[in-house]
Amino acid sequence: SFPGVDGIIDPQSATDYIKSIPVPVYTSMLVDSQCKRPMERDVILKNPIALAEKHGVDVPHMRALYALTTMIEEGYTK
């Protein structure tokens, strides 16, 4: 049973499902960072930022995350 696939779509059910998995689940960017690999910053953050700009939506938190992940990645790719 997987939330969304089996008709379970509410956030609490999805959270409960993730918590029920016996092994930890990490975001792809966290795993990439821990393994010192390039993160998918453009796809996950930069492209949505550009789309928001196009539509006049301010996304300061996403901009901050993009700047921070850029600094983190530059720190281990030098």
PDB file of N, CA and C in Angstrom:
ATOM      1  N   SER A   1       0.840  -1.183   0.000  1.00  0.00           N
ATOM      2  CA  SER A   1       0.000   0.000   0.000  1.00  0.00           C
ATOM      3  C   SER A   1       0.881   1.241   0.000  1.00  0.00           C
ATOM      4  N   PHE A   2       0.629   2.146  -0.919  1.00  0.00           N
ATOM      5  CA  PHE A   2       1.408   3.373  -1.027  1.00  0.00           C
ATOM      6  C   PHE A   2       0.453   4.550  -1.147  1.00  0.00           C
ATOM      7  N   PRO A   3       0.648   5.612  -0.339  1.00  0.00           N
ATOM      8  CA  PRO A   3      -0.253   6.768  -0.401  1.00  0.00           C
ATOM      9  C   PRO A   3      -0.352   7.337  -1.818  1.00  0.00           C
ATOM     10  N   GLY A   4      -1.553   7.647  -2.232  1.00  0.00           N
ATOM     11  CA  GLY A   4      -1.771   8.212  -3.556  1.00  0.00           C
ATOM     12  C   GLY A   4      -2.047   7.152  -4.598  1.00  0.00           C
ATOM     13  N   VAL A   5      -1.336   6.043  -4.516  1.00  0.00           N
ATOM     14  CA  VAL A   5      -1.526   4.966  -5.472  1.00  0.00           C
ATOM     15  C   VAL A   5      -2.756   4.155  -5.095  1.00  0.00           C
ATOM     16  N   ASP A   6      -2.897   3.877  -3.825  1.00  0.00           N
ATOM     17  CA  ASP A   6      -4.020   3.077  -3.346  1.00  0.00           C
ATOM     18  C   ASP A   6      -5.165   3.936  -2.822  1.00  0.00           C
ATOM     19  N   GLY A   7      -5.221   5.189  -3.244  1.00  0.00           N
ATOM     20  CA  GLY A   7      -6.320   6.045  -2.858  1.00  0.00           C
ATOM     21  C   GLY A   7      -6.098   6.824  -1.568  1.00  0.00           C
ATOM     22  N   ILE A   8      -4.967   6.653  -0.927  1.00  0.00           N
ATOM     23  CA  ILE A   8      -4.679   7.389   0.304  1.00  0.00           C
ATOM     24  C   ILE A   8      -3.942   8.665  -0.100  1.00  0.00           C
ATOM     25  N   ILE A   9      -4.590   9.804   0.025  1.00  0.00           N
ATOM     26  CA  ILE A   9      -3.950  11.026  -0.464  1.00  0.00           C
ATOM     27  C   ILE A   9      -3.835  12.128   0.574  1.00  0.00           C
ATOM     28  N   ASP A  10      -4.396  11.930   1.771  1.00  0.00           N
ATOM     29  CA  ASP A  10      -4.309  13.021   2.736  1.00  0.00           C
ATOM     30  C   ASP A  10      -2.906  13.051   3.361  1.00  0.00           C
ATOM     31  N   PRO A  11      -2.425  14.229   3.734  1.00  0.00           N
ATOM     32  CA  PRO A  11      -1.066  14.378   4.255  1.00  0.00           C
ATOM     33  C   PRO A  11      -0.770  13.501   5.463  1.00  0.00           C
ATOM     34  N   GLN A  12      -1.703  13.361   6.376  1.00  0.00           N
ATOM     35  CA  GLN A  12      -1.442  12.558   7.566  1.00  0.00           C
ATOM     36  C   GLN A  12      -1.217  11.095   7.206  1.00  0.00           C
ATOM     37  N   SER A  13      -1.990  10.575   6.256  1.00  0.00           N
ATOM     38  CA  SER A  13      -1.797   9.186   5.820  1.00  0.00           C
ATOM     39  C   SER A  13      -0.435   9.010   5.162  1.00  0.00           C
ATOM     40  N   ALA A  14      -0.031   9.986   4.363  1.00  0.00           N
ATOM     41  CA  ALA A  14       1.285   9.912   3.728  1.00  0.00           C
ATOM     42  C   ALA A  14       2.384   9.948   4.785  1.00  0.00           C
ATOM     43  N   THR A  15       2.236  10.824   5.774  1.00  0.00           N
ATOM     44  CA  THR A  15       3.219  10.913   6.860  1.00  0.00           C
ATOM     45  C   THR A  15       3.268   9.612   7.649  1.00  0.00           C
ATOM     46  N   ASP A  16       2.115   9.073   7.964  1.00  0.00           N
ATOM     47  CA  ASP A  16       2.066   7.800   8.697  1.00  0.00           C
ATOM     48  C   ASP A  16       2.729   6.686   7.904  1.00  0.00           C
ATOM     49  N   TYR A  17       2.513   6.679   6.593  1.00  0.00           N
ATOM     50  CA  TYR A  17       3.135   5.654   5.747  1.00  0.00           C
ATOM     51  C   TYR A  17       4.658   5.770   5.800  1.00  0.00           C
ATOM     52  N   ILE A  18       5.170   6.977   5.638  1.00  0.00           N
ATOM     53  CA  ILE A  18       6.625   7.187   5.664  1.00  0.00           C
ATOM     54  C   ILE A  18       7.195   6.747   7.005  1.00  0.00           C
ATOM     55  N   LYS A  19       6.522   7.090   8.087  1.00  0.00           N
ATOM     56  CA  LYS A  19       6.997   6.702   9.423  1.00  0.00           C
ATOM     57  C   LYS A  19       6.950   5.191   9.639  1.00  0.00           C
ATOM     58  N   SER A  20       6.085   4.484   8.899  1.00  0.00           N
ATOM     59  CA  SER A  20       5.966   3.037   9.068  1.00  0.00           C
ATOM     60  C   SER A  20       7.060   2.263   8.334  1.00  0.00           C
ATOM     61  N   ILE A  21       7.765   2.908   7.419  1.00  0.00           N
ATOM     62  CA  ILE A  21       8.821   2.236   6.671  1.00  0.00           C
ATOM     63  C   ILE A  21       9.973   1.953   7.641  1.00  0.00           C
ATOM     64  N   PRO A  22      10.472   0.705   7.662  1.00  0.00           N
ATOM     65  CA  PRO A  22      11.491   0.338   8.655  1.00  0.00           C
ATOM     66  C   PRO A  22      12.851   1.004   8.463  1.00  0.00           C
ATOM     67  N   VAL A  23      13.171   1.438   7.264  1.00  0.00           N
ATOM     68  CA  VAL A  23      14.452   2.110   7.043  1.00  0.00           C
ATOM     69  C   VAL A  23      14.199   3.596   6.840  1.00  0.00           C
ATOM     70  N   PRO A  24      15.139   4.437   7.222  1.00  0.00           N
ATOM     71  CA  PRO A  24      14.929   5.887   7.052  1.00  0.00           C
ATOM     72  C   PRO A  24      14.771   6.265   5.573  1.00  0.00           C
ATOM     73  N   VAL A  25      13.984   7.290   5.326  1.00  0.00           N
ATOM     74  CA  VAL A  25      13.786   7.825   3.982  1.00  0.00           C
ATOM     75  C   VAL A  25      14.370   9.230   3.966  1.00  0.00           C
ATOM     76  N   TYR A  26      15.274   9.477   3.030  1.00  0.00           N
ATOM     77  CA  TYR A  26      15.921  10.784   2.933  1.00  0.00           C
ATOM     78  C   TYR A  26      15.642  11.403   1.570  1.00  0.00           C
ATOM     79  N   THR A  27      15.665  12.708   1.513  1.00  0.00           N
ATOM     80  CA  THR A  27      15.473  13.397   0.240  1.00  0.00           C
ATOM     81  C   THR A  27      16.688  13.163  -0.653  1.00  0.00           C
ATOM     82  N   SER A  28      16.472  13.232  -1.954  1.00  0.00           N
ATOM     83  CA  SER A  28      17.566  12.997  -2.898  1.00  0.00           C
ATOM     84  C   SER A  28      18.681  14.026  -2.735  1.00  0.00           C
ATOM     85  N   MET A  29      18.317  15.272  -2.446  1.00  0.00           N
ATOM     86  CA  MET A  29      19.354  16.294  -2.280  1.00  0.00           C
ATOM     87  C   MET A  29      20.202  16.022  -1.042  1.00  0.00           C
ATOM     88  N   LEU A  30      19.595  15.531   0.035  1.00  0.00           N
ATOM     89  CA  LEU A  30      20.363  15.198   1.232  1.00  0.00           C
ATOM     90  C   LEU A  30      21.322  14.048   0.939  1.00  0.00           C
ATOM     91  N   VAL A  31      20.844  13.021   0.264  1.00  0.00           N
ATOM     92  CA  VAL A  31      21.698  11.882  -0.078  1.00  0.00           C
ATOM     93  C   VAL A  31      22.838  12.332  -0.981  1.00  0.00           C
ATOM     94  N   ASP A  32      22.539  13.148  -1.988  1.00  0.00           N
ATOM     95  CA  ASP A  32      23.591  13.661  -2.870  1.00  0.00           C
ATOM     96  C   ASP A  32      24.625  14.450  -2.085  1.00  0.00           C
ATOM     97  N   SER A  33      24.170  15.289  -1.185  1.00  0.00           N
ATOM     98  CA  SER A  33      25.084  16.097  -0.373  1.00  0.00           C
ATOM     99  C   SER A  33      25.956  15.209   0.510  1.00  0.00           C
ATOM    100  N   GLN A  34      25.365  14.236   1.156  1.00  0.00           N
ATOM    101  CA  GLN A  34      26.127  13.344   2.031  1.00  0.00           C
ATOM    102  C   GLN A  34      27.154  12.529   1.250  1.00  0.00           C
ATOM    103  N   CYS A  35      26.835  12.217  -0.003  1.00  0.00           N
ATOM    104  CA  CYS A  35      27.750  11.436  -0.847  1.00  0.00           C
ATOM    105  C   CYS A  35      28.675  12.339  -1.669  1.00  0.00           C
ATOM    106  N   LYS A  36      28.609  13.638  -1.426  1.00  0.00           N
ATOM    107  CA  LYS A  36      29.440  14.632  -2.125  1.00  0.00           C
ATOM    108  C   LYS A  36      29.227  14.597  -3.633  1.00  0.00           C
ATOM    109  N   ARG A  37      27.971  14.389  -4.045  1.00  0.00           N
ATOM    110  CA  ARG A  37      27.611  14.400  -5.460  1.00  0.00           C
ATOM    111  C   ARG A  37      26.897  15.714  -5.779  1.00  0.00           C
ATOM    112  N   PRO A  38      26.897  16.112  -7.052  1.00  0.00           N
ATOM    113  CA  PRO A  38      26.134  17.302  -7.427  1.00  0.00           C
ATOM    114  C   PRO A  38      24.649  17.107  -7.106  1.00  0.00           C
ATOM    115  N   MET A  39      24.063  18.121  -6.506  1.00  0.00           N
ATOM    116  CA  MET A  39      22.631  18.072  -6.190  1.00  0.00           C
ATOM    117  C   MET A  39      21.836  18.589  -7.383  1.00  0.00           C
ATOM    118  N   GLU A  40      20.596  18.192  -7.481  1.00  0.00           N
ATOM    119  CA  GLU A  40      19.742  18.641  -8.580  1.00  0.00           C
ATOM    120  C   GLU A  40      19.108  19.988  -8.232  1.00  0.00           C
ATOM    121  N   ARG A  41      19.962  20.961  -7.944  1.00  0.00           N
ATOM    122  CA  ARG A  41      19.493  22.279  -7.519  1.00  0.00           C
ATOM    123  C   ARG A  41      18.659  22.973  -8.580  1.00  0.00           C
ATOM    124  N   ASP A  42      19.072  22.853  -9.840  1.00  0.00           N
ATOM    125  CA  ASP A  42      18.345  23.557 -10.899  1.00  0.00           C
ATOM    126  C   ASP A  42      16.930  23.020 -11.056  1.00  0.00           C
ATOM    127  N   VAL A  43      16.801  21.710 -11.105  1.00  0.00           N
ATOM    128  CA  VAL A  43      15.480  21.104 -11.310  1.00  0.00           C
ATOM    129  C   VAL A  43      14.576  21.327 -10.105  1.00  0.00           C
ATOM    130  N   ILE A  44      15.122  21.149  -8.913  1.00  0.00           N
ATOM    131  CA  ILE A  44      14.304  21.204  -7.704  1.00  0.00           C
ATOM    132  C   ILE A  44      14.050  22.629  -7.225  1.00  0.00           C
ATOM    133  N   LEU A  45      15.013  23.518  -7.415  1.00  0.00           N
ATOM    134  CA  LEU A  45      14.867  24.877  -6.887  1.00  0.00           C
ATOM    135  C   LEU A  45      14.912  25.978  -7.951  1.00  0.00           C
ATOM    136  N   LYS A  46      15.929  25.972  -8.811  1.00  0.00           N
ATOM    137  CA  LYS A  46      16.112  27.094  -9.734  1.00  0.00           C
ATOM    138  C   LYS A  46      14.982  27.203 -10.761  1.00  0.00           C
ATOM    139  N   ASN A  47      14.565  26.083 -11.333  1.00  0.00           N
ATOM    140  CA  ASN A  47      13.480  26.144 -12.324  1.00  0.00           C
ATOM    141  C   ASN A  47      12.175  26.657 -11.714  1.00  0.00           C
ATOM    142  N   PRO A  48      11.768  26.167 -10.530  1.00  0.00           N
ATOM    143  CA  PRO A  48      10.561  26.741  -9.921  1.00  0.00           C
ATOM    144  C   PRO A  48      10.714  28.223  -9.563  1.00  0.00           C
ATOM    145  N   ILE A  49      11.921  28.634  -9.189  1.00  0.00           N
ATOM    146  CA  ILE A  49      12.160  30.052  -8.893  1.00  0.00           C
ATOM    147  C   ILE A  49      11.944  30.882 -10.165  1.00  0.00           C
ATOM    148  N   ALA A  50      12.487  30.408 -11.278  1.00  0.00           N
ATOM    149  CA  ALA A  50      12.321  31.120 -12.548  1.00  0.00           C
ATOM    150  C   ALA A  50      10.844  31.181 -12.956  1.00  0.00           C
ATOM    151  N   LEU A  51      10.131  30.101 -12.752  1.00  0.00           N
ATOM    152  CA  LEU A  51       8.702  30.073 -13.074  1.00  0.00           C
ATOM    153  C   LEU A  51       7.924  31.043 -12.188  1.00  0.00           C
ATOM    154  N   ALA A  52       8.286  31.085 -10.915  1.00  0.00           N
ATOM    155  CA  ALA A  52       7.632  32.025  -9.998  1.00  0.00           C
ATOM    156  C   ALA A  52       7.888  33.466 -10.440  1.00  0.00           C
ATOM    157  N   GLU A  53       9.143  33.767 -10.805  1.00  0.00           N
ATOM    158  CA  GLU A  53       9.483  35.111 -11.294  1.00  0.00           C
ATOM    159  C   GLU A  53       8.634  35.471 -12.505  1.00  0.00           C
ATOM    160  N   LYS A  54       8.507  34.523 -13.421  1.00  0.00           N
ATOM    161  CA  LYS A  54       7.734  34.749 -14.647  1.00  0.00           C
ATOM    162  C   LYS A  54       6.299  35.156 -14.333  1.00  0.00           C
ATOM    163  N   HIS A  55       5.759  34.624 -13.247  1.00  0.00           N
ATOM    164  CA  HIS A  55       4.375  34.906 -12.880  1.00  0.00           C
ATOM    165  C   HIS A  55       4.250  35.928 -11.749  1.00  0.00           C
ATOM    166  N   GLY A  56       5.371  36.576 -11.413  1.00  0.00           N
ATOM    167  CA  GLY A  56       5.337  37.637 -10.412  1.00  0.00           C
ATOM    168  C   GLY A  56       5.146  37.164  -8.983  1.00  0.00           C
ATOM    169  N   VAL A  57       5.548  35.937  -8.706  1.00  0.00           N
ATOM    170  CA  VAL A  57       5.410  35.383  -7.355  1.00  0.00           C
ATOM    171  C   VAL A  57       6.765  35.440  -6.655  1.00  0.00           C
ATOM    172  N   ASP A  58       6.787  36.021  -5.472  1.00  0.00           N
ATOM    173  CA  ASP A  58       8.019  36.114  -4.692  1.00  0.00           C
ATOM    174  C   ASP A  58       8.211  34.819  -3.900  1.00  0.00           C
ATOM    175  N   VAL A  59       9.389  34.230  -4.015  1.00  0.00           N
ATOM    176  CA  VAL A  59       9.682  32.969  -3.319  1.00  0.00           C
ATOM    177  C   VAL A  59      11.009  33.094  -2.548  1.00  0.00           C
ATOM    178  N   PRO A  60      11.032  33.936  -1.514  1.00  0.00           N
ATOM    179  CA  PRO A  60      12.293  34.178  -0.802  1.00  0.00           C
ATOM    180  C   PRO A  60      12.871  32.941  -0.120  1.00  0.00           C
ATOM    181  N   HIS A  61      12.031  32.063   0.368  1.00  0.00           N
ATOM    182  CA  HIS A  61      12.555  30.862   1.038  1.00  0.00           C
ATOM    183  C   HIS A  61      13.240  29.941   0.036  1.00  0.00           C
ATOM    184  N   MET A  62      12.655  29.819  -1.149  1.00  0.00           N
ATOM    185  CA  MET A  62      13.285  28.990  -2.175  1.00  0.00           C
ATOM    186  C   MET A  62      14.596  29.606  -2.631  1.00  0.00           C
ATOM    187  N   ARG A  63      14.641  30.927  -2.726  1.00  0.00           N
ATOM    188  CA  ARG A  63      15.882  31.600  -3.104  1.00  0.00           C
ATOM    189  C   ARG A  63      16.966  31.352  -2.055  1.00  0.00           C
ATOM    190  N   ALA A  64      16.577  31.405  -0.794  1.00  0.00           N
ATOM    191  CA  ALA A  64      17.537  31.155   0.289  1.00  0.00           C
ATOM    192  C   ALA A  64      18.043  29.714   0.235  1.00  0.00           C
ATOM    193  N   LEU A  65      17.134  28.769   0.021  1.00  0.00           N
ATOM    194  CA  LEU A  65      17.540  27.367  -0.090  1.00  0.00           C
ATOM    195  C   LEU A  65      18.469  27.155  -1.280  1.00  0.00           C
ATOM    196  N   TYR A  66      18.174  27.812  -2.388  1.00  0.00           N
ATOM    197  CA  TYR A  66      19.038  27.688  -3.567  1.00  0.00           C
ATOM    198  C   TYR A  66      20.433  28.236  -3.263  1.00  0.00           C
ATOM    199  N   ALA A  67      20.496  29.385  -2.623  1.00  0.00           N
ATOM    200  CA  ALA A  67      21.794  29.970  -2.278  1.00  0.00           C
ATOM    201  C   ALA A  67      22.564  29.067  -1.305  1.00  0.00           C
ATOM    202  N   LEU A  68      21.880  28.547  -0.313  1.00  0.00           N
ATOM    203  CA  LEU A  68      22.546  27.688   0.673  1.00  0.00           C
ATOM    204  C   LEU A  68      23.011  26.374   0.056  1.00  0.00           C
ATOM    205  N   THR A  69      22.180  25.751  -0.750  1.00  0.00           N
ATOM    206  CA  THR A  69      22.605  24.485  -1.368  1.00  0.00           C
ATOM    207  C   THR A  69      23.745  24.711  -2.360  1.00  0.00           C
ATOM    208  N   THR A  70      23.756  25.860  -3.013  1.00  0.00           N
ATOM    209  CA  THR A  70      24.860  26.198  -3.906  1.00  0.00           C
ATOM    210  C   THR A  70      26.160  26.315  -3.113  1.00  0.00           C
ATOM    211  N   MET A  71      26.109  27.013  -1.982  1.00  0.00           N
ATOM    212  CA  MET A  71      27.306  27.162  -1.144  1.00  0.00           C
ATOM    213  C   MET A  71      27.775  25.806  -0.614  1.00  0.00           C
ATOM    214  N   ILE A  72      26.849  24.965  -0.191  1.00  0.00           N
ATOM    215  CA  ILE A  72      27.197  23.647   0.330  1.00  0.00           C
ATOM    216  C   ILE A  72      27.891  22.831  -0.767  1.00  0.00           C
ATOM    217  N   GLU A  73      27.287  22.805  -1.937  1.00  0.00           N
ATOM    218  CA  GLU A  73      27.855  22.015  -3.039  1.00  0.00           C
ATOM    219  C   GLU A  73      29.224  22.557  -3.471  1.00  0.00           C
ATOM    220  N   GLU A  74      29.345  23.866  -3.551  1.00  0.00           N
ATOM    221  CA  GLU A  74      30.633  24.447  -3.929  1.00  0.00           C
ATOM    222  C   GLU A  74      31.711  24.115  -2.904  1.00  0.00           C
ATOM    223  N   GLY A  75      31.293  23.940  -1.641  1.00  0.00           N
ATOM    224  CA  GLY A  75      32.253  23.598  -0.595  1.00  0.00           C
ATOM    225  C   GLY A  75      32.849  22.225  -0.740  1.00  0.00           C
ATOM    226  N   TYR A  76      32.131  21.286  -1.313  1.00  0.00           N
ATOM    227  CA  TYR A  76      32.695  19.949  -1.439  1.00  0.00           C
ATOM    228  C   TYR A  76      33.079  19.576  -2.871  1.00  0.00           C
ATOM    229  N   THR A  77      32.844  20.461  -3.829  1.00  0.00           N
ATOM    230  CA  THR A  77      33.243  20.144  -5.203  1.00  0.00           C
ATOM    231  C   THR A  77      34.535  20.858  -5.610  1.00  0.00           C
ATOM    232  N   LYS A  78      35.098  21.624  -4.716  1.00  0.00           N
ATOM    233  CA  LYS A  78      36.355  22.337  -5.039  1.00  0.00           C
ATOM    234  C   LYS A  78      37.533  21.410  -4.954  1.00  0.00           C
TER     235      LYS A  78
END
